[in-house]
Amino acid sequence: MALDFTSIDFETANGFRGSACSVGLSKVRNGKIIEEVSWLMRPPAGFDHFDPRNTMIHHITSEMVADAPRFGELFIPMANFIGNDTLVAHNAAFDLGVIRSALEVSELSGPAYDYACTVKMARKTYELSSYSLPFVAEEAGSPMVNHHDALADAHACAAIMVDIAHRQAADSVVAAAEKLKVKMGFAQAYAPGDELSKATRDAQGWAARGNSVPVQPDWAAWPQEGNDPEPNLEADPAHPLYGETVVFTGNLNISRQVAKDRAAERGATTASRVTKATTVLVVGDGFVPEDLANGRLTGKAKRVLRLQEAGQRVAILAEGEFLQLIDGFSAA
């Protein structure tokens, strides 16, 4: 076998994961990047508005894609570039979800894909304060300068996968996953008429009610913790949150209870306090992982940093990263 795969990254125009507005792909053969492509695109019709929050992240505007082909026109070139490769992505459930939802609303068929998630693998490989893409890429020896440029992100993801495989003395993505005891993912083929994903059903619902963006209710100034649901033991073990113990802090754009429910659906245990069992802390209030460097942290986050200093492995996620991981509404 050889270390052959294609890494992929999407950016989205709004809170619907099917609203792809750019994509980057890096093809790897025998552990080397040999070819890269990227496209700007208009998201599928009806879901092509640009949310200012997304534009703030990736700097892509509706004017920039006004003359670009839609996702449906670019999917065949994308699929041809990927071929039969295993796909690799950072928060892979999100990027594979973009393909599925965009196919659904474009009424197009798409093939099945085997895939691997470098978030899950990175947690088993590196000791980091955050497993956000720039942190992991730097540890893998490929520091980033343009995070949220789709091609830059795909390139960084490819470099991470190569570094992880080399550290595991693995000659393929599958072999690296086996050595790390991380389950590979599988995205089923789609054809019009198949059951729609939850993300697409939800997006069609808010669009039918005349909303151009997902409607978020006003939460209380002090978030209520809510109940801790039982983790879904039948969830996909390949999901990055499966088996993790997750705590939330700060104001999220969804209620604390909804966040806990969604995490539990993915196989995570949730809690209201940071303890020695905590493995993931999700921070709201506009937090980004770079805030670790300047001290902009909540009390729970400071507690996590103390645990990290004591040798406990805890990942700190921004809300946007969490939303990607639960495969729901988010910016890419």
C-alpha atoms as a PDB file:
ATOM      1  CA  MET A   1       0.000   0.000   0.000  1.00  0.00           C
ATOM      2  CA  ALA A   2       1.017   3.641  -0.395  1.00  0.00           C
ATOM      3  CA  LEU A   3       0.221   6.828   1.453  1.00  0.00           C
ATOM      4  CA  ASP A   4      -2.231   8.029  -1.199  1.00  0.00           C
ATOM      5  CA  PHE A   5      -5.287  10.197  -0.474  1.00  0.00           C
ATOM      6  CA  THR A   6      -6.967  13.517  -1.254  1.00  0.00           C
ATOM      7  CA  SER A   7      -7.534  16.139   1.435  1.00  0.00           C
ATOM      8  CA  ILE A   8     -10.500  18.481   1.150  1.00  0.00           C
ATOM      9  CA  ASP A   9     -11.780  21.672   2.755  1.00  0.00           C
ATOM     10  CA  PHE A  10     -14.967  23.649   2.121  1.00  0.00           C
ATOM     11  CA  GLU A  11     -15.977  27.147   3.120  1.00  0.00           C
ATOM     12  CA  THR A  12     -19.697  27.902   3.333  1.00  0.00           C
ATOM     13  CA  ALA A  13     -21.705  31.039   2.639  1.00  0.00           C
ATOM     14  CA  ASN A  14     -24.105  30.754   5.562  1.00  0.00           C
ATOM     15  CA  GLY A  15     -25.258  28.546   8.408  1.00  0.00           C
ATOM     16  CA  PHE A  16     -26.393  25.725   6.108  1.00  0.00           C
ATOM     17  CA  ARG A  17     -23.583  23.272   5.545  1.00  0.00           C
ATOM     18  CA  GLY A  18     -24.711  22.728   1.927  1.00  0.00           C
ATOM     19  CA  SER A  19     -23.971  26.369   1.032  1.00  0.00           C
ATOM     20  CA  ALA A  20     -20.465  25.691  -0.290  1.00  0.00           C
ATOM     21  CA  CYS A  21     -18.792  28.820  -1.686  1.00  0.00           C
ATOM     22  CA  SER A  22     -15.242  27.507  -2.084  1.00  0.00           C
ATOM     23  CA  VAL A  23     -13.356  24.232  -1.995  1.00  0.00           C
ATOM     24  CA  GLY A  24      -9.699  23.248  -1.899  1.00  0.00           C
ATOM     25  CA  LEU A  25      -8.264  19.812  -2.676  1.00  0.00           C
ATOM     26  CA  SER A  26      -4.743  18.426  -2.292  1.00  0.00           C
ATOM     27  CA  LYS A  27      -3.829  15.111  -3.905  1.00  0.00           C
ATOM     28  CA  VAL A  28      -1.150  13.056  -2.145  1.00  0.00           C
ATOM     29  CA  ARG A  29       0.791  10.202  -3.705  1.00  0.00           C
ATOM     30  CA  ASN A  30       3.330   8.191  -1.734  1.00  0.00           C
ATOM     31  CA  GLY A  31       3.293  10.794   1.033  1.00  0.00           C
ATOM     32  CA  LYS A  32       3.885  13.807  -1.234  1.00  0.00           C
ATOM     33  CA  ILE A  33       1.452  16.492  -2.425  1.00  0.00           C
ATOM     34  CA  ILE A  34       1.549  16.226  -6.214  1.00  0.00           C
ATOM     35  CA  GLU A  35      -1.416  18.324  -7.346  1.00  0.00           C
ATOM     36  CA  GLU A  36      -3.797  20.903  -5.889  1.00  0.00           C
ATOM     37  CA  VAL A  37      -6.945  22.625  -7.135  1.00  0.00           C
ATOM     38  CA  SER A  38      -9.412  25.096  -5.718  1.00  0.00           C
ATOM     39  CA  TRP A  39     -12.580  26.777  -6.891  1.00  0.00           C
ATOM     40  CA  LEU A  40     -14.815  29.609  -5.832  1.00  0.00           C
ATOM     41  CA  MET A  41     -18.462  28.719  -6.442  1.00  0.00           C
ATOM     42  CA  ARG A  42     -21.968  30.001  -6.058  1.00  0.00           C
ATOM     43  CA  PRO A  43     -23.806  27.916  -3.468  1.00  0.00           C
ATOM     44  CA  PRO A  44     -26.875  25.962  -4.624  1.00  0.00           C
ATOM     45  CA  ALA A  45     -29.847  28.093  -5.633  1.00  0.00           C
ATOM     46  CA  GLY A  46     -32.076  29.062  -2.727  1.00  0.00           C
ATOM     47  CA  PHE A  47     -29.209  28.741  -0.241  1.00  0.00           C
ATOM     48  CA  ASP A  48     -26.768  31.217  -1.776  1.00  0.00           C
ATOM     49  CA  HIS A  49     -27.058  34.197   0.569  1.00  0.00           C
ATOM     50  CA  PHE A  50     -23.901  35.211   2.446  1.00  0.00           C
ATOM     51  CA  ASP A  51     -24.113  35.543   6.208  1.00  0.00           C
ATOM     52  CA  PRO A  52     -21.813  38.330   7.493  1.00  0.00           C
ATOM     53  CA  ARG A  53     -20.547  35.965  10.186  1.00  0.00           C
ATOM     54  CA  ASN A  54     -19.274  33.538   7.557  1.00  0.00           C
ATOM     55  CA  THR A  55     -17.805  36.281   5.402  1.00  0.00           C
ATOM     56  CA  MET A  56     -15.972  37.609   8.461  1.00  0.00           C
ATOM     57  CA  ILE A  57     -14.279  34.220   8.774  1.00  0.00           C
ATOM     58  CA  HIS A  58     -13.327  33.442   5.170  1.00  0.00           C
ATOM     59  CA  HIS A  59     -13.632  36.907   3.510  1.00  0.00           C
ATOM     60  CA  ILE A  60     -15.616  35.557   0.545  1.00  0.00           C
ATOM     61  CA  THR A  61     -18.528  37.743  -0.566  1.00  0.00           C
ATOM     62  CA  SER A  62     -21.475  37.242  -2.890  1.00  0.00           C
ATOM     63  CA  GLU A  63     -19.854  39.647  -5.381  1.00  0.00           C
ATOM     64  CA  MET A  64     -16.744  37.474  -5.543  1.00  0.00           C
ATOM     65  CA  VAL A  65     -18.748  34.448  -6.692  1.00  0.00           C
ATOM     66  CA  ALA A  66     -21.370  36.259  -8.783  1.00  0.00           C
ATOM     67  CA  ASP A  67     -19.943  34.906 -12.059  1.00  0.00           C
ATOM     68  CA  ALA A  68     -18.685  31.610 -10.650  1.00  0.00           C
ATOM     69  CA  PRO A  69     -20.322  28.272 -11.491  1.00  0.00           C
ATOM     70  CA  ARG A  70     -22.633  26.758  -8.915  1.00  0.00           C
ATOM     71  CA  PHE A  71     -21.704  23.760  -6.790  1.00  0.00           C
ATOM     72  CA  GLY A  72     -23.692  21.498  -9.115  1.00  0.00           C
ATOM     73  CA  GLU A  73     -21.608  22.567 -12.105  1.00  0.00           C
ATOM     74  CA  LEU A  74     -18.327  21.979 -10.265  1.00  0.00           C
ATOM     75  CA  PHE A  75     -19.140  18.697  -8.575  1.00  0.00           C
ATOM     76  CA  ILE A  76     -18.091  16.531 -11.540  1.00  0.00           C
ATOM     77  CA  PRO A  77     -14.630  18.184 -11.781  1.00  0.00           C
ATOM     78  CA  MET A  78     -14.287  17.785  -7.987  1.00  0.00           C
ATOM     79  CA  ALA A  79     -15.344  14.150  -8.105  1.00  0.00           C
ATOM     80  CA  ASN A  80     -12.988  13.468 -11.015  1.00  0.00           C
ATOM     81  CA  PHE A  81     -10.084  15.002  -9.097  1.00  0.00           C
ATOM     82  CA  ILE A  82     -10.869  12.846  -6.057  1.00  0.00           C
ATOM     83  CA  GLY A  83     -11.400   9.671  -8.061  1.00  0.00           C
ATOM     84  CA  ASN A  84     -11.369   6.607  -5.822  1.00  0.00           C
ATOM     85  CA  ASP A  85      -9.198   8.233  -3.156  1.00  0.00           C
ATOM     86  CA  THR A  86      -9.860   8.166   0.536  1.00  0.00           C
ATOM     87  CA  LEU A  87     -10.825  11.694   1.589  1.00  0.00           C
ATOM     88  CA  VAL A  88      -9.071  13.333   4.534  1.00  0.00           C
ATOM     89  CA  ALA A  89     -10.361  16.464   6.255  1.00  0.00           C
ATOM     90  CA  HIS A  90     -10.046  18.343   9.534  1.00  0.00           C
ATOM     91  CA  ASN A  91     -13.487  17.884  11.126  1.00  0.00           C
ATOM     92  CA  ALA A  92     -14.259  15.480   8.288  1.00  0.00           C
ATOM     93  CA  ALA A  93     -17.908  14.961   9.206  1.00  0.00           C
ATOM     94  CA  PHE A  94     -18.505  18.603   8.317  1.00  0.00           C
ATOM     95  CA  ASP A  95     -16.808  18.519   4.916  1.00  0.00           C
ATOM     96  CA  LEU A  96     -18.452  15.235   3.931  1.00  0.00           C
ATOM     97  CA  GLY A  97     -21.713  16.726   5.169  1.00  0.00           C
ATOM     98  CA  VAL A  98     -21.186  19.707   2.846  1.00  0.00           C
ATOM     99  CA  ILE A  99     -20.961  17.333  -0.112  1.00  0.00           C
ATOM    100  CA  ARG A 100     -24.071  15.427   0.938  1.00  0.00           C
ATOM    101  CA  SER A 101     -26.258  18.473   1.635  1.00  0.00           C
ATOM    102  CA  ALA A 102     -25.098  20.363  -1.454  1.00  0.00           C
ATOM    103  CA  LEU A 103     -25.879  17.307  -3.595  1.00  0.00           C
ATOM    104  CA  GLU A 104     -29.302  17.042  -1.981  1.00  0.00           C
ATOM    105  CA  VAL A 105     -30.370  20.618  -2.652  1.00  0.00           C
ATOM    106  CA  SER A 106     -28.763  20.517  -6.119  1.00  0.00           C
ATOM    107  CA  GLU A 107     -30.710  17.321  -6.883  1.00  0.00           C
ATOM    108  CA  LEU A 108     -27.553  15.523  -8.003  1.00  0.00           C
ATOM    109  CA  SER A 109     -26.152  12.050  -7.415  1.00  0.00           C
ATOM    110  CA  GLY A 110     -22.797  11.481  -5.759  1.00  0.00           C
ATOM    111  CA  PRO A 111     -20.577   8.493  -4.968  1.00  0.00           C
ATOM    112  CA  ALA A 112     -19.699   6.979  -1.622  1.00  0.00           C
ATOM    113  CA  TYR A 113     -16.461   8.001   0.064  1.00  0.00           C
ATOM    114  CA  ASP A 114     -14.197   6.451   2.666  1.00  0.00           C
ATOM    115  CA  TYR A 115     -12.768   9.205   4.824  1.00  0.00           C
ATOM    116  CA  ALA A 116     -10.523   9.966   7.771  1.00  0.00           C
ATOM    117  CA  CYS A 117     -10.634  12.858  10.232  1.00  0.00           C
ATOM    118  CA  THR A 118      -7.371  14.529  11.230  1.00  0.00           C
ATOM    119  CA  VAL A 119      -8.985  16.005  14.358  1.00  0.00           C
ATOM    120  CA  LYS A 120      -9.548  12.531  15.746  1.00  0.00           C
ATOM    121  CA  MET A 121      -6.099  11.339  14.685  1.00  0.00           C
ATOM    122  CA  ALA A 122      -4.362  14.473  15.953  1.00  0.00           C
ATOM    123  CA  ARG A 123      -5.784  13.963  19.435  1.00  0.00           C
ATOM    124  CA  LYS A 124      -4.122  10.545  19.528  1.00  0.00           C
ATOM    125  CA  THR A 125      -0.834  11.877  18.140  1.00  0.00           C
ATOM    126  CA  TYR A 126      -0.036  15.314  19.584  1.00  0.00           C
ATOM    127  CA  GLU A 127      -0.177  16.963  23.015  1.00  0.00           C
ATOM    128  CA  LEU A 128      -1.766  20.347  22.215  1.00  0.00           C
ATOM    129  CA  SER A 129      -3.831  22.971  24.029  1.00  0.00           C
ATOM    130  CA  SER A 130      -6.112  23.203  20.971  1.00  0.00           C
ATOM    131  CA  TYR A 131      -6.712  20.905  18.007  1.00  0.00           C
ATOM    132  CA  SER A 132      -7.785  23.756  15.756  1.00  0.00           C
ATOM    133  CA  LEU A 133      -6.214  23.380  12.309  1.00  0.00           C
ATOM    134  CA  PRO A 134      -3.483  26.070  12.712  1.00  0.00           C
ATOM    135  CA  PHE A 135      -2.295  24.552  16.006  1.00  0.00           C
ATOM    136  CA  VAL A 136      -2.107  21.031  14.569  1.00  0.00           C
ATOM    137  CA  ALA A 137      -0.525  22.170  11.305  1.00  0.00           C
ATOM    138  CA  GLU A 138       2.254  23.959  13.167  1.00  0.00           C
ATOM    139  CA  GLU A 139       2.928  20.873  15.277  1.00  0.00           C
ATOM    140  CA  ALA A 140       3.041  18.805  12.081  1.00  0.00           C
ATOM    141  CA  GLY A 141       5.734  21.101  10.674  1.00  0.00           C
ATOM    142  CA  SER A 142       3.516  22.976   8.215  1.00  0.00           C
ATOM    143  CA  PRO A 143       2.572  26.322   9.814  1.00  0.00           C
ATOM    144  CA  MET A 144      -0.326  28.206   8.225  1.00  0.00           C
ATOM    145  CA  VAL A 145      -0.563  31.854   7.212  1.00  0.00           C
ATOM    146  CA  ASN A 146      -4.036  31.963   5.654  1.00  0.00           C
ATOM    147  CA  HIS A 147      -6.461  29.913   7.748  1.00  0.00           C
ATOM    148  CA  HIS A 148      -9.950  29.578   6.177  1.00  0.00           C
ATOM    149  CA  ASP A 149      -8.611  29.820   2.657  1.00  0.00           C
ATOM    150  CA  ALA A 150      -9.948  26.501   1.379  1.00  0.00           C
ATOM    151  CA  LEU A 151      -6.787  25.465  -0.447  1.00  0.00           C
ATOM    152  CA  ALA A 152      -4.528  26.536   2.425  1.00  0.00           C
ATOM    153  CA  ASP A 153      -6.657  24.471   4.801  1.00  0.00           C
ATOM    154  CA  ALA A 154      -6.653  21.433   2.479  1.00  0.00           C
ATOM    155  CA  HIS A 155      -2.862  21.721   2.085  1.00  0.00           C
ATOM    156  CA  ALA A 156      -2.384  21.912   5.869  1.00  0.00           C
ATOM    157  CA  CYS A 157      -4.673  18.921   6.373  1.00  0.00           C
ATOM    158  CA  ALA A 158      -2.649  16.889   3.863  1.00  0.00           C
ATOM    159  CA  ALA A 159       0.577  17.801   5.655  1.00  0.00           C
ATOM    160  CA  ILE A 160      -0.932  16.767   8.996  1.00  0.00           C
ATOM    161  CA  MET A 161      -2.047  13.396   7.641  1.00  0.00           C
ATOM    162  CA  VAL A 162       1.411  12.752   6.177  1.00  0.00           C
ATOM    163  CA  ASP A 163       3.102  13.671   9.469  1.00  0.00           C
ATOM    164  CA  ILE A 164       0.738  11.481  11.493  1.00  0.00           C
ATOM    165  CA  ALA A 165       1.350   8.538   9.164  1.00  0.00           C
ATOM    166  CA  HIS A 166       5.118   8.997   9.385  1.00  0.00           C
ATOM    167  CA  ARG A 167       5.008   9.155  13.185  1.00  0.00           C
ATOM    168  CA  GLN A 168       3.054   5.903  13.199  1.00  0.00           C
ATOM    169  CA  ALA A 169       5.330   4.295  10.592  1.00  0.00           C
ATOM    170  CA  ALA A 170       2.147   3.697   8.605  1.00  0.00           C
ATOM    171  CA  ASP A 171       2.142   3.296   4.829  1.00  0.00           C
ATOM    172  CA  SER A 172      -1.505   4.277   4.325  1.00  0.00           C
ATOM    173  CA  VAL A 173      -4.311   6.293   5.886  1.00  0.00           C
ATOM    174  CA  VAL A 174      -6.044   3.073   6.911  1.00  0.00           C
ATOM    175  CA  ALA A 175      -2.888   1.740   8.566  1.00  0.00           C
ATOM    176  CA  ALA A 176      -2.411   4.994  10.500  1.00  0.00           C
ATOM    177  CA  ALA A 177      -6.021   4.836  11.698  1.00  0.00           C
ATOM    178  CA  GLU A 178      -5.586   1.230  12.786  1.00  0.00           C
ATOM    179  CA  LYS A 179      -2.424   2.007  14.748  1.00  0.00           C
ATOM    180  CA  LEU A 180      -4.136   4.928  16.492  1.00  0.00           C
ATOM    181  CA  LYS A 181      -7.293   2.866  17.078  1.00  0.00           C
ATOM    182  CA  VAL A 182      -9.361   5.496  15.242  1.00  0.00           C
ATOM    183  CA  LYS A 183     -12.251   4.255  13.137  1.00  0.00           C
ATOM    184  CA  MET A 184     -12.387   5.313   9.500  1.00  0.00           C
ATOM    185  CA  GLY A 185     -15.542   7.058   8.279  1.00  0.00           C
ATOM    186  CA  PHE A 186     -17.824   6.134   5.405  1.00  0.00           C
ATOM    187  CA  ALA A 187     -20.138   8.528   3.560  1.00  0.00           C
ATOM    188  CA  GLN A 188     -22.839   6.725   1.642  1.00  0.00           C
ATOM    189  CA  ALA A 189     -23.602   7.400  -1.994  1.00  0.00           C
ATOM    190  CA  TYR A 190     -26.538   9.711  -2.659  1.00  0.00           C
ATOM    191  CA  ALA A 191     -29.163   9.790  -5.400  1.00  0.00           C
ATOM    192  CA  PRO A 192     -32.177  12.121  -5.650  1.00  0.00           C
ATOM    193  CA  GLY A 193     -35.070  10.480  -3.872  1.00  0.00           C
ATOM    194  CA  ASP A 194     -32.932   9.102  -1.034  1.00  0.00           C
ATOM    195  CA  GLU A 195     -33.755  10.249   2.489  1.00  0.00           C
ATOM    196  CA  LEU A 196     -32.494  13.778   3.111  1.00  0.00           C
ATOM    197  CA  SER A 197     -29.992  14.555   5.837  1.00  0.00           C
ATOM    198  CA  LYS A 198     -31.169  16.393   8.965  1.00  0.00           C
ATOM    199  CA  ALA A 199     -29.140  19.472   8.006  1.00  0.00           C
ATOM    200  CA  THR A 200     -30.967  19.733   4.679  1.00  0.00           C
ATOM    201  CA  ARG A 201     -34.387  19.119   6.221  1.00  0.00           C
ATOM    202  CA  ASP A 202     -33.741  21.813   8.793  1.00  0.00           C
ATOM    203  CA  ALA A 203     -32.481  24.260   6.161  1.00  0.00           C
ATOM    204  CA  GLN A 204     -35.477  23.645   3.937  1.00  0.00           C
ATOM    205  CA  GLY A 205     -37.688  24.276   6.962  1.00  0.00           C
ATOM    206  CA  TRP A 206     -36.260  27.681   7.823  1.00  0.00           C
ATOM    207  CA  ALA A 207     -36.152  28.654   4.138  1.00  0.00           C
ATOM    208  CA  ALA A 208     -39.832  27.727   3.751  1.00  0.00           C
ATOM    209  CA  ARG A 209     -40.625  30.050   6.662  1.00  0.00           C
ATOM    210  CA  GLY A 210     -39.014  32.923   4.778  1.00  0.00           C
ATOM    211  CA  ASN A 211     -35.771  33.064   6.744  1.00  0.00           C
ATOM    212  CA  SER A 212     -32.516  33.712   4.911  1.00  0.00           C
ATOM    213  CA  VAL A 213     -30.421  32.479   7.828  1.00  0.00           C
ATOM    214  CA  PRO A 214     -31.048  29.978  10.633  1.00  0.00           C
ATOM    215  CA  VAL A 215     -33.083  31.742  13.291  1.00  0.00           C
ATOM    216  CA  GLN A 216     -31.482  31.690  16.722  1.00  0.00           C
ATOM    217  CA  PRO A 217     -33.586  32.533  19.780  1.00  0.00           C
ATOM    218  CA  ASP A 218     -32.455  34.980  22.440  1.00  0.00           C
ATOM    219  CA  TRP A 219     -30.898  33.091  25.335  1.00  0.00           C
ATOM    220  CA  ALA A 220     -30.745  34.315  28.913  1.00  0.00           C
ATOM    221  CA  ALA A 221     -27.727  36.436  29.807  1.00  0.00           C
ATOM    222  CA  TRP A 222     -26.541  33.661  32.117  1.00  0.00           C
ATOM    223  CA  PRO A 223     -26.661  30.294  30.313  1.00  0.00           C
ATOM    224  CA  GLN A 224     -28.592  27.515  32.027  1.00  0.00           C
ATOM    225  CA  GLU A 225     -26.653  24.268  32.133  1.00  0.00           C
ATOM    226  CA  GLY A 226     -29.659  21.997  31.634  1.00  0.00           C
ATOM    227  CA  ASN A 227     -29.546  18.220  31.950  1.00  0.00           C
ATOM    228  CA  ASP A 228     -26.771  15.883  30.887  1.00  0.00           C
ATOM    229  CA  PRO A 229     -28.266  13.335  28.457  1.00  0.00           C
ATOM    230  CA  GLU A 230     -27.009   9.796  28.143  1.00  0.00           C
ATOM    231  CA  PRO A 231     -24.470   9.403  25.336  1.00  0.00           C
ATOM    232  CA  ASN A 232     -25.676   7.615  22.223  1.00  0.00           C
ATOM    233  CA  LEU A 233     -23.606   4.430  22.286  1.00  0.00           C
ATOM    234  CA  GLU A 234     -24.826   3.570  18.778  1.00  0.00           C
ATOM    235  CA  ALA A 235     -23.315   6.747  17.297  1.00  0.00           C
ATOM    236  CA  ASP A 236     -20.503   6.446  14.763  1.00  0.00           C
ATOM    237  CA  PRO A 237     -17.286   5.685  16.706  1.00  0.00           C
ATOM    238  CA  ALA A 238     -15.365   7.496  13.951  1.00  0.00           C
ATOM    239  CA  HIS A 239     -16.895  10.821  14.986  1.00  0.00           C
ATOM    240  CA  PRO A 240     -14.370  13.083  16.781  1.00  0.00           C
ATOM    241  CA  LEU A 241     -16.687  13.570  19.788  1.00  0.00           C
ATOM    242  CA  TYR A 242     -17.503   9.894  20.320  1.00  0.00           C
ATOM    243  CA  GLY A 243     -16.326   8.801  23.761  1.00  0.00           C
ATOM    244  CA  GLU A 244     -15.245  12.321  24.776  1.00  0.00           C
ATOM    245  CA  THR A 245     -16.411  14.144  27.918  1.00  0.00           C
ATOM    246  CA  VAL A 246     -17.554  17.635  26.922  1.00  0.00           C
ATOM    247  CA  VAL A 247     -18.099  20.746  29.055  1.00  0.00           C
ATOM    248  CA  PHE A 248     -19.480  24.081  27.786  1.00  0.00           C
ATOM    249  CA  THR A 249     -18.652  27.592  28.939  1.00  0.00           C
ATOM    250  CA  GLY A 250     -19.702  31.084  27.837  1.00  0.00           C
ATOM    251  CA  ASN A 251     -22.638  32.127  25.672  1.00  0.00           C
ATOM    252  CA  LEU A 252     -23.277  29.935  22.644  1.00  0.00           C
ATOM    253  CA  ASN A 253     -25.549  30.706  19.695  1.00  0.00           C
ATOM    254  CA  ILE A 254     -27.563  27.634  20.675  1.00  0.00           C
ATOM    255  CA  SER A 255     -28.865  26.843  24.129  1.00  0.00           C
ATOM    256  CA  ARG A 256     -26.638  24.894  26.482  1.00  0.00           C
ATOM    257  CA  GLN A 257     -29.220  22.078  26.531  1.00  0.00           C
ATOM    258  CA  VAL A 258     -29.329  21.849  22.743  1.00  0.00           C
ATOM    259  CA  ALA A 259     -25.522  21.793  22.650  1.00  0.00           C
ATOM    260  CA  LYS A 260     -25.447  18.974  25.194  1.00  0.00           C
ATOM    261  CA  ASP A 261     -28.122  17.034  23.345  1.00  0.00           C
ATOM    262  CA  ARG A 262     -26.291  17.331  20.038  1.00  0.00           C
ATOM    263  CA  ALA A 263     -22.987  16.262  21.595  1.00  0.00           C
ATOM    264  CA  ALA A 264     -24.661  13.265  23.230  1.00  0.00           C
ATOM    265  CA  GLU A 265     -26.189  12.283  19.878  1.00  0.00           C
ATOM    266  CA  ARG A 266     -22.622  11.954  18.604  1.00  0.00           C
ATOM    267  CA  GLY A 267     -21.637   9.655  21.465  1.00  0.00           C
ATOM    268  CA  ALA A 268     -20.167  12.218  23.875  1.00  0.00           C
ATOM    269  CA  THR A 269     -20.703  12.397  27.616  1.00  0.00           C
ATOM    270  CA  THR A 270     -21.577  15.927  28.763  1.00  0.00           C
ATOM    271  CA  ALA A 271     -20.986  17.575  32.134  1.00  0.00           C
ATOM    272  CA  SER A 272     -21.510  20.941  33.790  1.00  0.00           C
ATOM    273  CA  ARG A 273     -18.153  21.184  35.556  1.00  0.00           C
ATOM    274  CA  VAL A 274     -14.545  20.786  34.495  1.00  0.00           C
ATOM    275  CA  THR A 275     -13.116  17.729  36.250  1.00  0.00           C
ATOM    276  CA  LYS A 276     -10.330  15.243  35.692  1.00  0.00           C
ATOM    277  CA  ALA A 277     -12.729  13.387  33.384  1.00  0.00           C
ATOM    278  CA  THR A 278     -13.066  16.374  31.014  1.00  0.00           C
ATOM    279  CA  THR A 279     -11.516  15.867  27.572  1.00  0.00           C
ATOM    280  CA  VAL A 280     -13.148  18.702  25.568  1.00  0.00           C
ATOM    281  CA  LEU A 281     -14.102  22.255  26.577  1.00  0.00           C
ATOM    282  CA  VAL A 282     -16.299  24.248  24.174  1.00  0.00           C
ATOM    283  CA  VAL A 283     -16.014  28.031  24.652  1.00  0.00           C
ATOM    284  CA  GLY A 284     -18.576  30.551  23.395  1.00  0.00           C
ATOM    285  CA  ASP A 285     -18.631  34.370  23.419  1.00  0.00           C
ATOM    286  CA  GLY A 286     -16.654  34.675  20.192  1.00  0.00           C
ATOM    287  CA  PHE A 287     -13.660  32.757  21.552  1.00  0.00           C
ATOM    288  CA  VAL A 288     -11.084  31.557  19.044  1.00  0.00           C
ATOM    289  CA  PRO A 289      -8.206  29.210  19.924  1.00  0.00           C
ATOM    290  CA  GLU A 290      -5.714  32.071  19.532  1.00  0.00           C
ATOM    291  CA  ASP A 291      -7.253  33.551  22.703  1.00  0.00           C
ATOM    292  CA  LEU A 292      -5.262  30.950  24.613  1.00  0.00           C
ATOM    293  CA  ALA A 293      -2.181  33.050  23.947  1.00  0.00           C
ATOM    294  CA  ASN A 294      -3.569  36.337  25.264  1.00  0.00           C
ATOM    295  CA  GLY A 295      -5.404  35.126  28.348  1.00  0.00           C
ATOM    296  CA  ARG A 296      -8.970  35.802  27.164  1.00  0.00           C
ATOM    297  CA  LEU A 297     -10.477  32.820  28.950  1.00  0.00           C
ATOM    298  CA  THR A 298     -13.434  31.926  31.145  1.00  0.00           C
ATOM    299  CA  GLY A 299     -13.014  30.405  34.575  1.00  0.00           C
ATOM    300  CA  LYS A 300     -13.650  26.933  33.189  1.00  0.00           C
ATOM    301  CA  ALA A 301     -11.035  27.469  30.487  1.00  0.00           C
ATOM    302  CA  LYS A 302      -8.489  28.566  33.089  1.00  0.00           C
ATOM    303  CA  ARG A 303      -9.269  25.407  35.046  1.00  0.00           C
ATOM    304  CA  VAL A 304      -8.652  23.367  31.886  1.00  0.00           C
ATOM    305  CA  LEU A 305      -5.291  25.060  31.327  1.00  0.00           C
ATOM    306  CA  ARG A 306      -4.287  24.118  34.880  1.00  0.00           C
ATOM    307  CA  LEU A 307      -5.285  20.521  34.167  1.00  0.00           C
ATOM    308  CA  GLN A 308      -3.271  20.602  30.934  1.00  0.00           C
ATOM    309  CA  GLU A 309      -0.245  21.844  32.858  1.00  0.00           C
ATOM    310  CA  ALA A 310      -0.715  18.876  35.186  1.00  0.00           C
ATOM    311  CA  GLY A 311      -0.583  16.504  32.216  1.00  0.00           C
ATOM    312  CA  GLN A 312      -4.285  15.994  31.461  1.00  0.00           C
ATOM    313  CA  ARG A 313      -5.244  15.983  27.777  1.00  0.00           C
ATOM    314  CA  VAL A 314      -8.107  18.423  27.204  1.00  0.00           C
ATOM    315  CA  ALA A 315      -8.983  19.990  23.855  1.00  0.00           C
ATOM    316  CA  ILE A 316     -10.381  23.542  23.797  1.00  0.00           C
ATOM    317  CA  LEU A 317     -12.788  24.258  20.935  1.00  0.00           C
ATOM    318  CA  ALA A 318     -14.371  27.452  19.713  1.00  0.00           C
ATOM    319  CA  GLU A 319     -18.120  27.272  19.226  1.00  0.00           C
ATOM    320  CA  GLY A 320     -17.742  27.222  15.436  1.00  0.00           C
ATOM    321  CA  GLU A 321     -15.467  24.204  15.616  1.00  0.00           C
ATOM    322  CA  PHE A 322     -17.942  22.428  17.881  1.00  0.00           C
ATOM    323  CA  LEU A 323     -20.785  23.147  15.474  1.00  0.00           C
ATOM    324  CA  GLN A 324     -18.741  21.644  12.667  1.00  0.00           C
ATOM    325  CA  LEU A 325     -18.005  18.576  14.760  1.00  0.00           C
ATOM    326  CA  ILE A 326     -21.667  17.943  15.527  1.00  0.00           C
ATOM    327  CA  ASP A 327     -22.321  18.302  11.802  1.00  0.00           C
ATOM    328  CA  GLY A 328     -24.972  20.940  12.170  1.00  0.00           C
ATOM    329  CA  PHE A 329     -25.387  24.603  11.293  1.00  0.00           C
ATOM    330  CA  SER A 330     -22.059  26.416  11.256  1.00  0.00           C
ATOM    331  CA  ALA A 331     -19.538  28.334   9.258  1.00  0.00           C
ATOM    332  CA  ALA A 332     -16.848  26.227   7.700  1.00  0.00           C
END
